[in-house]
């Protein structure tokens, strides 16, 4: 079975040619699973402050959290309550609640005018937590930077220029999402029908970054077996999405995963992830270096915006 490997982003950026190639090889090998763990330079103080704000937000009453629902945003900003998002392969809504945010574009920017539900003003719980906007915005920007840098490793691995992804990410509709999975004791069935917080799914975007979570629960599907995602302390989990699979002609597959509670687990789980998106008008067409006689072109071209809208409909967020 292919293992999920740990690599060092900083060795790619600062090392010699041999060290850089070792990182590229490790990433490409590990991404056969759709997952890889990377060492990073994110501030631990920044991460602590982010989790403090999020824990305080999710401790608010349902009525207070509902003040931050952004109607018409399709789940791209603001609060989404329990039992709304549903995995595309499931009929059962996930047992989770979420706070979503991104970064707005200037008034009059063509992307903002064309995709208002993707580039609207972020909705922060500032009435209850005054510092939330500054803390969560800083987290968002640092994760965008980290993912942009990590995609340079992937670009090198698929045989294109190291900065291939940079332009499409500059005004990408990156989405940061804090997810609270309540204790299964509080679930409608009391957890008696299983311990699945979020059903099996693949992410829509290019890659997703998860710096840490307050409890275990993330599992990865590797060769049709579920494996716990267990990164070394201080590493970020990176997983791949549908858009990267299309761009690489299936060379890098989607990282299929789910979130489950352990037997008898009483505590909830809080995680914060960022979905790295290209600009919505990016054309997702397999890059030439990934199309070979052995791997003929598998995917027709589609815009990133259309791809996202299709999946938002499938997971029940199109009416939010």
C-alpha atoms as a PDB file:
ATOM      1  CA  UNK A   1       0.000   0.000   0.000  1.00  0.00           C
ATOM      2  CA  UNK A   2       1.242   3.489  -0.869  1.00  0.00           C
ATOM      3  CA  UNK A   3       2.022   5.527   2.242  1.00  0.00           C
ATOM      4  CA  UNK A   4       1.244   9.176   2.905  1.00  0.00           C
ATOM      5  CA  UNK A   5       4.698  10.763   3.092  1.00  0.00           C
ATOM      6  CA  UNK A   6       5.976  13.836   4.932  1.00  0.00           C
ATOM      7  CA  UNK A   7       8.021  16.383   3.010  1.00  0.00           C
ATOM      8  CA  UNK A   8       9.624  19.750   3.696  1.00  0.00           C
ATOM      9  CA  UNK A   9       8.386  22.772   1.737  1.00  0.00           C
ATOM     10  CA  UNK A  10      11.304  24.818   3.026  1.00  0.00           C
ATOM     11  CA  UNK A  11      13.828  22.283   1.681  1.00  0.00           C
ATOM     12  CA  UNK A  12      12.290  22.741  -1.772  1.00  0.00           C
ATOM     13  CA  UNK A  13      12.555  26.519  -1.481  1.00  0.00           C
ATOM     14  CA  UNK A  14      15.992  26.762   0.119  1.00  0.00           C
ATOM     15  CA  UNK A  15      17.790  23.534  -0.742  1.00  0.00           C
ATOM     16  CA  UNK A  16      20.148  22.596  -3.537  1.00  0.00           C
ATOM     17  CA  UNK A  17      19.042  20.804  -6.701  1.00  0.00           C
ATOM     18  CA  UNK A  18      19.285  17.371  -5.085  1.00  0.00           C
ATOM     19  CA  UNK A  19      17.200  18.408  -2.063  1.00  0.00           C
ATOM     20  CA  UNK A  20      14.601  20.073  -4.268  1.00  0.00           C
ATOM     21  CA  UNK A  21      14.264  16.972  -6.427  1.00  0.00           C
ATOM     22  CA  UNK A  22      13.876  14.772  -3.357  1.00  0.00           C
ATOM     23  CA  UNK A  23      10.931  16.905  -2.231  1.00  0.00           C
ATOM     24  CA  UNK A  24       9.342  16.795  -5.692  1.00  0.00           C
ATOM     25  CA  UNK A  25       9.741  13.010  -5.844  1.00  0.00           C
ATOM     26  CA  UNK A  26       8.278  12.598  -2.361  1.00  0.00           C
ATOM     27  CA  UNK A  27       5.258  14.778  -3.159  1.00  0.00           C
ATOM     28  CA  UNK A  28       4.492  13.035  -6.448  1.00  0.00           C
ATOM     29  CA  UNK A  29       4.822   9.595  -4.843  1.00  0.00           C
ATOM     30  CA  UNK A  30       2.623  10.509  -1.890  1.00  0.00           C
ATOM     31  CA  UNK A  31      -0.046  12.154  -4.055  1.00  0.00           C
ATOM     32  CA  UNK A  32      -0.900   8.764  -5.499  1.00  0.00           C
ATOM     33  CA  UNK A  33      -3.018   8.688  -2.317  1.00  0.00           C
ATOM     34  CA  UNK A  34      -4.242  12.254  -2.850  1.00  0.00           C
ATOM     35  CA  UNK A  35      -2.517  13.288   0.397  1.00  0.00           C
ATOM     36  CA  UNK A  36       0.868  14.485   1.631  1.00  0.00           C
ATOM     37  CA  UNK A  37       2.144  16.075   4.865  1.00  0.00           C
ATOM     38  CA  UNK A  38       4.418  19.089   4.658  1.00  0.00           C
ATOM     39  CA  UNK A  39       6.626  20.947   7.091  1.00  0.00           C
ATOM     40  CA  UNK A  40       5.797  24.652   7.090  1.00  0.00           C
ATOM     41  CA  UNK A  41       6.646  28.062   8.513  1.00  0.00           C
ATOM     42  CA  UNK A  42       3.202  29.146   9.713  1.00  0.00           C
ATOM     43  CA  UNK A  43       3.213  31.002  13.024  1.00  0.00           C
ATOM     44  CA  UNK A  44       2.029  28.821  15.900  1.00  0.00           C
ATOM     45  CA  UNK A  45       0.856  31.988  17.666  1.00  0.00           C
ATOM     46  CA  UNK A  46      -1.291  32.830  14.644  1.00  0.00           C
ATOM     47  CA  UNK A  47      -2.773  29.322  14.640  1.00  0.00           C
ATOM     48  CA  UNK A  48      -3.515  29.521  18.382  1.00  0.00           C
ATOM     49  CA  UNK A  49      -5.263  32.884  17.963  1.00  0.00           C
ATOM     50  CA  UNK A  50      -7.325  31.531  15.065  1.00  0.00           C
ATOM     51  CA  UNK A  51      -8.509  28.518  17.031  1.00  0.00           C
ATOM     52  CA  UNK A  52      -9.326  30.683  20.027  1.00  0.00           C
ATOM     53  CA  UNK A  53     -11.623  32.878  17.893  1.00  0.00           C
ATOM     54  CA  UNK A  54     -13.271  29.856  16.291  1.00  0.00           C
ATOM     55  CA  UNK A  55     -13.869  28.049  19.579  1.00  0.00           C
ATOM     56  CA  UNK A  56     -15.528  31.185  20.942  1.00  0.00           C
ATOM     57  CA  UNK A  57     -17.683  31.507  17.826  1.00  0.00           C
ATOM     58  CA  UNK A  58     -18.951  27.934  17.893  1.00  0.00           C
ATOM     59  CA  UNK A  59     -19.701  28.327  21.612  1.00  0.00           C
ATOM     60  CA  UNK A  60     -22.319  30.974  20.781  1.00  0.00           C
ATOM     61  CA  UNK A  61     -25.982  30.029  20.820  1.00  0.00           C
ATOM     62  CA  UNK A  62     -27.654  28.820  17.633  1.00  0.00           C
ATOM     63  CA  UNK A  63     -29.558  32.100  17.442  1.00  0.00           C
ATOM     64  CA  UNK A  64     -26.355  34.132  17.760  1.00  0.00           C
ATOM     65  CA  UNK A  65     -24.514  32.096  15.133  1.00  0.00           C
ATOM     66  CA  UNK A  66     -27.492  32.406  12.795  1.00  0.00           C
ATOM     67  CA  UNK A  67     -26.952  36.173  12.689  1.00  0.00           C
ATOM     68  CA  UNK A  68     -23.978  35.425  10.428  1.00  0.00           C
ATOM     69  CA  UNK A  69     -25.790  33.378   7.769  1.00  0.00           C
ATOM     70  CA  UNK A  70     -25.091  34.943   4.348  1.00  0.00           C
ATOM     71  CA  UNK A  71     -28.161  34.158   2.264  1.00  0.00           C
ATOM     72  CA  UNK A  72     -27.389  33.658  -1.416  1.00  0.00           C
ATOM     73  CA  UNK A  73     -23.667  33.011  -0.929  1.00  0.00           C
ATOM     74  CA  UNK A  74     -23.979  29.276  -1.703  1.00  0.00           C
ATOM     75  CA  UNK A  75     -22.000  28.454   1.407  1.00  0.00           C
ATOM     76  CA  UNK A  76     -19.029  30.571   0.315  1.00  0.00           C
ATOM     77  CA  UNK A  77     -19.125  32.952   3.266  1.00  0.00           C
ATOM     78  CA  UNK A  78     -20.782  33.192   6.674  1.00  0.00           C
ATOM     79  CA  UNK A  79     -22.318  30.519   8.858  1.00  0.00           C
ATOM     80  CA  UNK A  80     -23.761  27.200   7.644  1.00  0.00           C
ATOM     81  CA  UNK A  81     -25.700  25.205  10.218  1.00  0.00           C
ATOM     82  CA  UNK A  82     -25.919  21.515  10.980  1.00  0.00           C
ATOM     83  CA  UNK A  83     -27.291  18.970   8.506  1.00  0.00           C
ATOM     84  CA  UNK A  84     -27.010  21.149   5.390  1.00  0.00           C
ATOM     85  CA  UNK A  85     -23.984  20.098   3.311  1.00  0.00           C
ATOM     86  CA  UNK A  86     -24.373  16.616   1.856  1.00  0.00           C
ATOM     87  CA  UNK A  87     -21.644  14.555   0.185  1.00  0.00           C
ATOM     88  CA  UNK A  88     -22.338  14.009  -3.529  1.00  0.00           C
ATOM     89  CA  UNK A  89     -22.523  10.228  -3.083  1.00  0.00           C
ATOM     90  CA  UNK A  90     -24.780  10.394   0.000  1.00  0.00           C
ATOM     91  CA  UNK A  91     -28.374  11.240   0.852  1.00  0.00           C
ATOM     92  CA  UNK A  92     -27.517  11.950   4.492  1.00  0.00           C
ATOM     93  CA  UNK A  93     -26.478  15.511   5.446  1.00  0.00           C
ATOM     94  CA  UNK A  94     -23.162  15.799   7.276  1.00  0.00           C
ATOM     95  CA  UNK A  95     -23.191  16.265  11.050  1.00  0.00           C
ATOM     96  CA  UNK A  96     -21.202  19.488  11.076  1.00  0.00           C
ATOM     97  CA  UNK A  97     -21.546  23.268  11.217  1.00  0.00           C
ATOM     98  CA  UNK A  98     -19.252  25.716   9.455  1.00  0.00           C
ATOM     99  CA  UNK A  99     -17.950  29.272   9.307  1.00  0.00           C
ATOM    100  CA  UNK A 100     -16.704  30.253   5.842  1.00  0.00           C
ATOM    101  CA  UNK A 101     -14.711  33.261   4.680  1.00  0.00           C
ATOM    102  CA  UNK A 102     -12.421  34.541   1.961  1.00  0.00           C
ATOM    103  CA  UNK A 103     -10.912  37.804   0.792  1.00  0.00           C
ATOM    104  CA  UNK A 104     -12.982  40.377  -1.153  1.00  0.00           C
ATOM    105  CA  UNK A 105     -11.888  42.020  -4.381  1.00  0.00           C
ATOM    106  CA  UNK A 106     -12.062  45.763  -5.028  1.00  0.00           C
ATOM    107  CA  UNK A 107     -15.391  47.230  -6.117  1.00  0.00           C
ATOM    108  CA  UNK A 108     -15.751  47.034  -9.895  1.00  0.00           C
ATOM    109  CA  UNK A 109     -13.294  44.163 -10.371  1.00  0.00           C
ATOM    110  CA  UNK A 110     -14.658  42.034 -13.255  1.00  0.00           C
ATOM    111  CA  UNK A 111     -14.422  38.803 -11.244  1.00  0.00           C
ATOM    112  CA  UNK A 112     -16.447  40.323  -8.424  1.00  0.00           C
ATOM    113  CA  UNK A 113     -19.117  41.567 -10.845  1.00  0.00           C
ATOM    114  CA  UNK A 114     -19.332  38.247 -12.665  1.00  0.00           C
ATOM    115  CA  UNK A 115     -19.200  35.972  -9.604  1.00  0.00           C
ATOM    116  CA  UNK A 116     -20.779  37.992  -6.746  1.00  0.00           C
ATOM    117  CA  UNK A 117     -21.534  34.908  -4.616  1.00  0.00           C
ATOM    118  CA  UNK A 118     -17.858  33.978  -4.715  1.00  0.00           C
ATOM    119  CA  UNK A 119     -16.296  37.364  -4.072  1.00  0.00           C
ATOM    120  CA  UNK A 120     -18.714  39.093  -1.736  1.00  0.00           C
ATOM    121  CA  UNK A 121     -17.671  40.739   1.481  1.00  0.00           C
ATOM    122  CA  UNK A 122     -16.672  38.125   4.069  1.00  0.00           C
ATOM    123  CA  UNK A 123     -19.064  37.733   6.985  1.00  0.00           C
ATOM    124  CA  UNK A 124     -17.180  37.659  10.290  1.00  0.00           C
ATOM    125  CA  UNK A 125     -18.737  37.328  13.775  1.00  0.00           C
ATOM    126  CA  UNK A 126     -17.477  40.789  14.695  1.00  0.00           C
ATOM    127  CA  UNK A 127     -20.513  41.754  16.779  1.00  0.00           C
ATOM    128  CA  UNK A 128     -19.653  39.015  19.264  1.00  0.00           C
ATOM    129  CA  UNK A 129     -15.881  38.706  18.700  1.00  0.00           C
ATOM    130  CA  UNK A 130     -14.477  42.115  17.668  1.00  0.00           C
ATOM    131  CA  UNK A 131     -11.033  40.827  16.659  1.00  0.00           C
ATOM    132  CA  UNK A 132     -12.406  38.016  14.480  1.00  0.00           C
ATOM    133  CA  UNK A 133     -12.052  39.891  11.167  1.00  0.00           C
ATOM    134  CA  UNK A 134      -8.360  40.690  11.633  1.00  0.00           C
ATOM    135  CA  UNK A 135      -7.408  37.280  13.060  1.00  0.00           C
ATOM    136  CA  UNK A 136      -9.302  35.202  10.507  1.00  0.00           C
ATOM    137  CA  UNK A 137      -8.206  37.371   7.572  1.00  0.00           C
ATOM    138  CA  UNK A 138      -4.572  36.951   8.577  1.00  0.00           C
ATOM    139  CA  UNK A 139      -5.027  33.182   8.757  1.00  0.00           C
ATOM    140  CA  UNK A 140      -6.622  33.207   5.295  1.00  0.00           C
ATOM    141  CA  UNK A 141      -3.780  35.182   3.703  1.00  0.00           C
ATOM    142  CA  UNK A 142      -1.059  33.042   5.273  1.00  0.00           C
ATOM    143  CA  UNK A 143      -2.731  29.853   4.028  1.00  0.00           C
ATOM    144  CA  UNK A 144      -3.089  31.266   0.502  1.00  0.00           C
ATOM    145  CA  UNK A 145       0.634  32.006   0.517  1.00  0.00           C
ATOM    146  CA  UNK A 146       1.486  28.516   1.788  1.00  0.00           C
ATOM    147  CA  UNK A 147      -0.650  26.781  -0.826  1.00  0.00           C
ATOM    148  CA  UNK A 148       0.678  28.944  -3.655  1.00  0.00           C
ATOM    149  CA  UNK A 149       4.199  27.970  -2.648  1.00  0.00           C
ATOM    150  CA  UNK A 150       3.309  24.275  -2.342  1.00  0.00           C
ATOM    151  CA  UNK A 151       1.737  24.205  -5.797  1.00  0.00           C
ATOM    152  CA  UNK A 152       5.156  25.174  -7.177  1.00  0.00           C
ATOM    153  CA  UNK A 153       6.380  21.730  -6.081  1.00  0.00           C
ATOM    154  CA  UNK A 154       3.470  20.103  -7.891  1.00  0.00           C
ATOM    155  CA  UNK A 155       4.077  22.218 -10.997  1.00  0.00           C
ATOM    156  CA  UNK A 156       7.673  21.005 -11.074  1.00  0.00           C
ATOM    157  CA  UNK A 157       6.475  17.440 -10.601  1.00  0.00           C
ATOM    158  CA  UNK A 158       4.125  17.498 -13.601  1.00  0.00           C
ATOM    159  CA  UNK A 159       6.721  18.995 -15.916  1.00  0.00           C
ATOM    160  CA  UNK A 160       5.566  22.596 -16.257  1.00  0.00           C
ATOM    161  CA  UNK A 161       7.144  25.851 -15.136  1.00  0.00           C
ATOM    162  CA  UNK A 162       7.443  26.169 -11.360  1.00  0.00           C
ATOM    163  CA  UNK A 163       5.186  29.247 -11.416  1.00  0.00           C
ATOM    164  CA  UNK A 164       2.518  27.686 -13.638  1.00  0.00           C
ATOM    165  CA  UNK A 165      -0.204  28.053 -11.006  1.00  0.00           C
ATOM    166  CA  UNK A 166       0.772  31.514  -9.733  1.00  0.00           C
ATOM    167  CA  UNK A 167      -1.293  33.604 -12.158  1.00  0.00           C
ATOM    168  CA  UNK A 168      -4.476  31.565 -11.814  1.00  0.00           C
ATOM    169  CA  UNK A 169      -4.210  31.825  -8.008  1.00  0.00           C
ATOM    170  CA  UNK A 170      -3.606  35.579  -7.786  1.00  0.00           C
ATOM    171  CA  UNK A 171      -7.323  36.403  -7.600  1.00  0.00           C
ATOM    172  CA  UNK A 172      -8.526  32.877  -6.932  1.00  0.00           C
ATOM    173  CA  UNK A 173     -11.758  32.410  -5.012  1.00  0.00           C
ATOM    174  CA  UNK A 174      -9.953  30.717  -2.128  1.00  0.00           C
ATOM    175  CA  UNK A 175     -12.306  29.592   0.626  1.00  0.00           C
ATOM    176  CA  UNK A 176     -11.319  29.121   4.260  1.00  0.00           C
ATOM    177  CA  UNK A 177     -13.696  26.975   6.289  1.00  0.00           C
ATOM    178  CA  UNK A 178     -13.828  26.280  10.003  1.00  0.00           C
ATOM    179  CA  UNK A 179     -15.743  23.095  10.712  1.00  0.00           C
ATOM    180  CA  UNK A 180     -17.132  21.986  14.045  1.00  0.00           C
ATOM    181  CA  UNK A 181     -18.195  18.364  14.281  1.00  0.00           C
ATOM    182  CA  UNK A 182     -20.395  18.118  17.407  1.00  0.00           C
ATOM    183  CA  UNK A 183     -20.231  15.169  19.756  1.00  0.00           C
ATOM    184  CA  UNK A 184     -22.135  12.243  18.264  1.00  0.00           C
ATOM    185  CA  UNK A 185     -24.089  12.044  21.525  1.00  0.00           C
ATOM    186  CA  UNK A 186     -25.870  15.200  20.367  1.00  0.00           C
ATOM    187  CA  UNK A 187     -26.708  13.744  16.940  1.00  0.00           C
ATOM    188  CA  UNK A 188     -30.384  13.067  16.138  1.00  0.00           C
ATOM    189  CA  UNK A 189     -29.837   9.321  16.571  1.00  0.00           C
ATOM    190  CA  UNK A 190     -27.462   9.702  19.503  1.00  0.00           C
ATOM    191  CA  UNK A 191     -24.734   8.196  17.379  1.00  0.00           C
ATOM    192  CA  UNK A 192     -26.474   4.824  17.518  1.00  0.00           C
ATOM    193  CA  UNK A 193     -26.405   4.427  13.731  1.00  0.00           C
ATOM    194  CA  UNK A 194     -22.714   5.076  13.279  1.00  0.00           C
ATOM    195  CA  UNK A 195     -19.991   7.572  13.926  1.00  0.00           C
ATOM    196  CA  UNK A 196     -19.631   9.305  10.534  1.00  0.00           C
ATOM    197  CA  UNK A 197     -19.357  13.095  10.857  1.00  0.00           C
ATOM    198  CA  UNK A 198     -18.775  13.717   7.135  1.00  0.00           C
ATOM    199  CA  UNK A 199     -19.349  11.118   4.442  1.00  0.00           C
ATOM    200  CA  UNK A 200     -16.767  10.072   1.860  1.00  0.00           C
ATOM    201  CA  UNK A 201     -16.045  12.881  -0.592  1.00  0.00           C
ATOM    202  CA  UNK A 202     -13.416  14.559  -2.749  1.00  0.00           C
ATOM    203  CA  UNK A 203     -12.797  18.307  -2.629  1.00  0.00           C
ATOM    204  CA  UNK A 204     -13.681  20.496  -5.607  1.00  0.00           C
ATOM    205  CA  UNK A 205     -10.585  22.683  -5.802  1.00  0.00           C
ATOM    206  CA  UNK A 206      -6.884  22.321  -6.661  1.00  0.00           C
ATOM    207  CA  UNK A 207      -5.490  21.481  -3.208  1.00  0.00           C
ATOM    208  CA  UNK A 208      -6.671  21.814   0.380  1.00  0.00           C
ATOM    209  CA  UNK A 209      -4.565  22.658   3.439  1.00  0.00           C
ATOM    210  CA  UNK A 210      -5.341  21.555   7.003  1.00  0.00           C
ATOM    211  CA  UNK A 211      -2.870  22.886   9.614  1.00  0.00           C
ATOM    212  CA  UNK A 212      -4.305  21.079  12.628  1.00  0.00           C
ATOM    213  CA  UNK A 213      -7.468  19.785  14.274  1.00  0.00           C
ATOM    214  CA  UNK A 214      -8.515  19.470  17.909  1.00  0.00           C
ATOM    215  CA  UNK A 215      -9.247  15.736  17.646  1.00  0.00           C
ATOM    216  CA  UNK A 216      -8.547  12.832  15.323  1.00  0.00           C
ATOM    217  CA  UNK A 217     -11.134  11.723  12.805  1.00  0.00           C
ATOM    218  CA  UNK A 218      -9.846  12.396   9.271  1.00  0.00           C
ATOM    219  CA  UNK A 219      -9.486   9.233   7.218  1.00  0.00           C
ATOM    220  CA  UNK A 220      -8.058   8.784   3.730  1.00  0.00           C
ATOM    221  CA  UNK A 221      -9.120   6.174   1.180  1.00  0.00           C
ATOM    222  CA  UNK A 222      -6.011   4.359  -0.045  1.00  0.00           C
ATOM    223  CA  UNK A 223      -6.435   1.358  -2.336  1.00  0.00           C
ATOM    224  CA  UNK A 224     -10.050   0.986  -1.132  1.00  0.00           C
ATOM    225  CA  UNK A 225      -9.021   0.917   2.525  1.00  0.00           C
ATOM    226  CA  UNK A 226      -9.569   3.665   5.094  1.00  0.00           C
ATOM    227  CA  UNK A 227      -6.362   4.948   6.697  1.00  0.00           C
ATOM    228  CA  UNK A 228      -6.116   7.484   9.533  1.00  0.00           C
ATOM    229  CA  UNK A 229      -4.479  10.742   8.528  1.00  0.00           C
ATOM    230  CA  UNK A 230      -1.730  11.099  11.130  1.00  0.00           C
ATOM    231  CA  UNK A 231       0.758  13.850  10.245  1.00  0.00           C
ATOM    232  CA  UNK A 232       3.821  14.522  12.386  1.00  0.00           C
ATOM    233  CA  UNK A 233       3.377  17.344  14.879  1.00  0.00           C
ATOM    234  CA  UNK A 234       3.845  20.717  13.246  1.00  0.00           C
ATOM    235  CA  UNK A 235       3.004  19.551   9.718  1.00  0.00           C
ATOM    236  CA  UNK A 236       0.186  20.666   7.422  1.00  0.00           C
ATOM    237  CA  UNK A 237      -1.980  18.092   5.658  1.00  0.00           C
ATOM    238  CA  UNK A 238      -2.317  18.757   1.923  1.00  0.00           C
ATOM    239  CA  UNK A 239      -4.883  16.918  -0.184  1.00  0.00           C
ATOM    240  CA  UNK A 240      -5.806  17.115  -3.843  1.00  0.00           C
ATOM    241  CA  UNK A 241      -9.109  18.042  -5.467  1.00  0.00           C
ATOM    242  CA  UNK A 242     -11.172  17.573  -8.601  1.00  0.00           C
ATOM    243  CA  UNK A 243      -9.708  20.584 -10.411  1.00  0.00           C
ATOM    244  CA  UNK A 244      -6.118  19.361 -10.031  1.00  0.00           C
ATOM    245  CA  UNK A 245      -7.120  15.914 -11.259  1.00  0.00           C
ATOM    246  CA  UNK A 246      -8.587  17.506 -14.408  1.00  0.00           C
ATOM    247  CA  UNK A 247      -5.553  19.733 -15.002  1.00  0.00           C
ATOM    248  CA  UNK A 248      -3.162  16.789 -14.626  1.00  0.00           C
ATOM    249  CA  UNK A 249      -5.244  14.392 -16.760  1.00  0.00           C
ATOM    250  CA  UNK A 250      -5.642  12.035 -13.806  1.00  0.00           C
ATOM    251  CA  UNK A 251      -1.897  11.857 -13.093  1.00  0.00           C
ATOM    252  CA  UNK A 252      -2.700  13.274  -9.648  1.00  0.00           C
ATOM    253  CA  UNK A 253      -5.970  11.750  -8.425  1.00  0.00           C
ATOM    254  CA  UNK A 254      -8.538  13.240  -6.075  1.00  0.00           C
ATOM    255  CA  UNK A 255      -7.819  12.621  -2.397  1.00  0.00           C
ATOM    256  CA  UNK A 256     -10.945  10.814  -1.180  1.00  0.00           C
ATOM    257  CA  UNK A 257     -11.587  11.210   2.526  1.00  0.00           C
ATOM    258  CA  UNK A 258     -14.163  11.201   5.304  1.00  0.00           C
ATOM    259  CA  UNK A 259     -14.376  12.299   8.931  1.00  0.00           C
ATOM    260  CA  UNK A 260     -15.418   9.767  11.573  1.00  0.00           C
ATOM    261  CA  UNK A 261     -15.629   9.706  15.360  1.00  0.00           C
ATOM    262  CA  UNK A 262     -13.945   6.961  17.325  1.00  0.00           C
ATOM    263  CA  UNK A 263     -16.110   4.478  19.189  1.00  0.00           C
ATOM    264  CA  UNK A 264     -17.260   6.119  22.403  1.00  0.00           C
ATOM    265  CA  UNK A 265     -15.767   9.496  21.513  1.00  0.00           C
ATOM    266  CA  UNK A 266     -17.485  12.155  23.612  1.00  0.00           C
ATOM    267  CA  UNK A 267     -15.692  15.313  22.531  1.00  0.00           C
ATOM    268  CA  UNK A 268     -16.436  17.382  19.455  1.00  0.00           C
ATOM    269  CA  UNK A 269     -13.866  18.106  16.734  1.00  0.00           C
ATOM    270  CA  UNK A 270     -12.813  21.486  15.364  1.00  0.00           C
ATOM    271  CA  UNK A 271     -10.691  21.916  12.263  1.00  0.00           C
ATOM    272  CA  UNK A 272      -9.979  24.777   9.886  1.00  0.00           C
ATOM    273  CA  UNK A 273      -9.115  24.142   6.256  1.00  0.00           C
ATOM    274  CA  UNK A 274      -8.529  26.221   3.168  1.00  0.00           C
ATOM    275  CA  UNK A 275      -9.643  25.257  -0.322  1.00  0.00           C
ATOM    276  CA  UNK A 276      -7.220  26.648  -2.906  1.00  0.00           C
ATOM    277  CA  UNK A 277      -9.142  27.738  -6.007  1.00  0.00           C
ATOM    278  CA  UNK A 278      -8.036  29.193  -9.321  1.00  0.00           C
ATOM    279  CA  UNK A 279      -9.885  32.207 -10.704  1.00  0.00           C
ATOM    280  CA  UNK A 280     -13.364  31.064 -11.840  1.00  0.00           C
ATOM    281  CA  UNK A 281     -12.598  31.852 -15.480  1.00  0.00           C
ATOM    282  CA  UNK A 282      -9.552  29.543 -15.519  1.00  0.00           C
ATOM    283  CA  UNK A 283      -9.977  26.856 -18.160  1.00  0.00           C
ATOM    284  CA  UNK A 284      -9.434  23.420 -16.659  1.00  0.00           C
ATOM    285  CA  UNK A 285      -7.843  21.512 -19.526  1.00  0.00           C
ATOM    286  CA  UNK A 286      -5.180  18.807 -19.116  1.00  0.00           C
ATOM    287  CA  UNK A 287      -1.714  20.309 -19.455  1.00  0.00           C
ATOM    288  CA  UNK A 288       0.196  18.813 -22.424  1.00  0.00           C
ATOM    289  CA  UNK A 289       2.933  17.283 -20.270  1.00  0.00           C
ATOM    290  CA  UNK A 290       0.371  14.961 -18.634  1.00  0.00           C
ATOM    291  CA  UNK A 291      -1.142  13.650 -21.889  1.00  0.00           C
ATOM    292  CA  UNK A 292       0.725  10.646 -23.269  1.00  0.00           C
ATOM    293  CA  UNK A 293       0.054   7.591 -25.392  1.00  0.00           C
ATOM    294  CA  UNK A 294      -0.304   5.557 -22.205  1.00  0.00           C
ATOM    295  CA  UNK A 295      -2.535   8.240 -20.642  1.00  0.00           C
ATOM    296  CA  UNK A 296      -4.662   9.777 -23.409  1.00  0.00           C
ATOM    297  CA  UNK A 297      -6.662  12.900 -22.644  1.00  0.00           C
ATOM    298  CA  UNK A 298      -9.449  11.922 -20.223  1.00  0.00           C
ATOM    299  CA  UNK A 299     -11.163  15.231 -19.453  1.00  0.00           C
ATOM    300  CA  UNK A 300     -12.958  17.768 -21.663  1.00  0.00           C
ATOM    301  CA  UNK A 301     -12.296  21.409 -20.888  1.00  0.00           C
ATOM    302  CA  UNK A 302     -14.522  23.220 -18.379  1.00  0.00           C
ATOM    303  CA  UNK A 303     -14.136  26.530 -16.594  1.00  0.00           C
ATOM    304  CA  UNK A 304     -13.262  26.436 -12.910  1.00  0.00           C
ATOM    305  CA  UNK A 305     -16.401  28.472 -12.162  1.00  0.00           C
ATOM    306  CA  UNK A 306     -18.684  26.008 -13.937  1.00  0.00           C
ATOM    307  CA  UNK A 307     -16.942  23.075 -12.273  1.00  0.00           C
ATOM    308  CA  UNK A 308     -17.488  24.620  -8.847  1.00  0.00           C
ATOM    309  CA  UNK A 309     -21.147  25.459  -9.493  1.00  0.00           C
ATOM    310  CA  UNK A 310     -21.815  21.912 -10.645  1.00  0.00           C
ATOM    311  CA  UNK A 311     -20.421  20.426  -7.422  1.00  0.00           C
ATOM    312  CA  UNK A 312     -22.109  23.038  -5.169  1.00  0.00           C
ATOM    313  CA  UNK A 313     -25.409  21.847  -6.621  1.00  0.00           C
ATOM    314  CA  UNK A 314     -24.466  18.208  -6.006  1.00  0.00           C
ATOM    315  CA  UNK A 315     -23.667  18.826  -2.330  1.00  0.00           C
ATOM    316  CA  UNK A 316     -26.781  20.883  -1.590  1.00  0.00           C
ATOM    317  CA  UNK A 317     -25.151  24.291  -1.181  1.00  0.00           C
ATOM    318  CA  UNK A 318     -26.525  25.936  -4.341  1.00  0.00           C
ATOM    319  CA  UNK A 319     -29.626  27.209  -2.520  1.00  0.00           C
ATOM    320  CA  UNK A 320     -27.768  28.574   0.532  1.00  0.00           C
END
